[in-house]
Amino acid sequence: MSNKIKGKIAFFVLAGIVMFFAVSGIVMWLWNALLPEIIGVKSITYWQAMGILVLCKILFGGFGGKGGKKCFGKQTFQQMKEEKFHGMTDEEKEKLKEIWRKRCEGNFFWKNKQ
């Protein structure tokens, strides 16, 4: 491997580490600026913010990039929808669209509450 490639690899590794520490600081700042007044929780330290960030990564994934993970994004949803619609007649498609239109109109969460 040439020195130029090694330098680029080292730069991106260091940039990732610096970004992780910077995002941890942002999490701490946002937590301490917002949540104590909104929901009455205690302020957190930098290391607690880093722990929250790591916990969120473990629970929810993230930090960008696909990295071989199976992602349920817009493209996957579109593909599944096309596969489901493929075997349907035009009347069945319109009926399904109408059902979803009725489900999604109005205020979804308080629709049945009187």
Protein backbone atom coordinates (compact mmCIF):
# COMPACT_ATOMS: atom_id res chain seq x y z
CA MET A 1 0.00 0.00 0.00
CA SER A 2 1.33 3.44 -0.85
CA ASN A 3 1.85 6.18 1.70
CA LYS A 4 -0.90 8.24 0.06
CA ILE A 5 -3.50 5.51 0.69
CA LYS A 6 -2.24 4.94 4.24
CA GLY A 7 -2.54 8.68 4.88
CA LYS A 8 -6.12 8.73 3.61
CA ILE A 9 -7.05 5.74 5.76
CA ALA A 10 -5.47 7.34 8.84
CA PHE A 11 -7.26 10.62 8.10
CA PHE A 12 -10.69 8.98 7.85
CA VAL A 13 -10.15 6.91 10.99
CA LEU A 14 -9.11 10.01 12.95
CA ALA A 15 -11.94 12.05 11.42
CA GLY A 16 -14.43 9.37 12.52
CA ILE A 17 -13.08 9.40 16.08
CA VAL A 18 -13.14 13.21 16.23
CA MET A 19 -16.69 13.22 14.84
CA PHE A 20 -17.82 10.70 17.47
CA PHE A 21 -16.42 12.88 20.27
CA ALA A 22 -17.95 16.00 18.73
CA VAL A 23 -21.39 14.37 18.40
CA SER A 24 -21.13 13.21 22.02
CA GLY A 25 -20.59 16.83 23.01
CA ILE A 26 -23.60 17.91 20.96
CA VAL A 27 -25.76 15.22 22.62
CA MET A 28 -24.65 16.45 26.06
CA TRP A 29 -25.32 20.08 25.16
CA LEU A 30 -28.78 19.35 23.73
CA TRP A 31 -29.73 17.13 26.68
CA ASN A 32 -28.62 19.70 29.25
CA ALA A 33 -30.17 22.62 27.36
CA LEU A 34 -33.56 21.06 26.71
CA LEU A 35 -34.56 18.08 28.80
CA PRO A 36 -34.13 19.39 32.37
CA GLU A 37 -36.68 22.12 31.72
CA ILE A 38 -39.02 20.09 29.51
CA ILE A 39 -39.33 16.84 31.48
CA GLY A 40 -37.38 17.56 34.65
CA VAL A 41 -34.46 15.15 34.27
CA LYS A 42 -30.98 15.77 35.66
CA SER A 43 -28.13 17.18 33.60
CA ILE A 44 -25.62 14.66 32.27
CA THR A 45 -21.83 14.59 31.93
CA TYR A 46 -19.86 14.22 28.72
CA TRP A 47 -19.21 10.54 29.38
CA GLN A 48 -22.88 9.86 30.07
CA ALA A 49 -23.73 11.53 26.75
CA MET A 50 -21.22 9.28 25.02
CA GLY A 51 -22.84 6.27 26.69
CA ILE A 52 -26.28 7.38 25.50
CA LEU A 53 -24.91 7.75 21.98
CA VAL A 54 -23.41 4.24 22.06
CA LEU A 55 -26.62 2.82 23.53
CA CYS A 56 -28.66 4.43 20.75
CA LYS A 57 -26.25 2.98 18.19
CA ILE A 58 -26.70 -0.49 19.68
CA LEU A 59 -30.50 -0.23 19.93
CA PHE A 60 -31.35 1.63 16.75
CA GLY A 61 -28.32 1.30 14.47
CA GLY A 62 -27.28 4.37 12.62
CA PHE A 63 -24.29 6.68 12.16
CA GLY A 64 -25.03 6.60 8.44
CA GLY A 65 -23.81 4.25 5.76
CA LYS A 66 -25.39 0.96 4.85
CA GLY A 67 -22.40 -1.28 5.50
CA GLY A 68 -24.14 -4.44 4.39
CA LYS A 69 -27.06 -4.02 6.79
CA LYS A 70 -30.54 -4.76 5.56
CA CYS A 71 -32.25 -1.41 5.55
CA PHE A 72 -35.99 -0.91 5.30
CA GLY A 73 -35.82 2.32 3.36
CA LYS A 74 -37.93 3.92 0.68
CA GLN A 75 -36.41 1.78 -2.08
CA THR A 76 -37.11 -1.49 -0.22
CA PHE A 77 -40.68 -0.38 0.54
CA GLN A 78 -41.23 0.54 -3.11
CA GLN A 79 -39.93 -2.86 -4.20
CA MET A 80 -42.23 -4.70 -1.75
CA LYS A 81 -45.22 -2.65 -2.89
CA GLU A 82 -44.53 -3.43 -6.55
CA GLU A 83 -44.22 -7.16 -5.78
CA LYS A 84 -47.55 -7.12 -3.91
CA PHE A 85 -49.31 -5.13 -6.65
CA HIS A 86 -47.88 -7.33 -9.43
CA GLY A 87 -50.45 -10.11 -9.01
CA MET A 88 -53.45 -7.83 -8.44
CA THR A 89 -56.07 -6.73 -10.93
CA ASP A 90 -56.75 -3.04 -11.45
CA GLU A 91 -59.95 -3.29 -9.39
CA GLU A 92 -58.09 -4.89 -6.47
CA LYS A 93 -55.42 -2.18 -6.62
CA GLU A 94 -58.03 0.58 -6.52
CA LYS A 95 -59.86 -1.12 -3.64
CA LEU A 96 -56.63 -1.38 -1.62
CA LYS A 97 -55.75 2.26 -2.34
CA GLU A 98 -59.23 3.34 -1.21
CA ILE A 99 -58.90 1.35 2.04
CA TRP A 100 -55.58 3.05 2.82
CA ARG A 101 -56.95 6.45 1.84
CA LYS A 102 -59.76 5.99 4.39
CA ARG A 103 -57.33 4.80 7.07
CA CYS A 104 -55.03 7.77 6.61
CA GLU A 105 -57.51 10.63 6.39
CA GLY A 106 -58.06 12.88 9.38
CA ASN A 107 -56.18 12.76 12.64
CA PHE A 108 -55.01 9.16 12.86
CA PHE A 109 -54.26 8.95 16.60
CA TRP A 110 -57.45 10.52 17.91
CA LYS A 111 -59.78 9.39 15.15
CA ASN A 112 -61.80 6.96 17.29
CA LYS A 113 -61.83 9.07 20.46
CA GLN A 114 -65.01 11.04 21.02
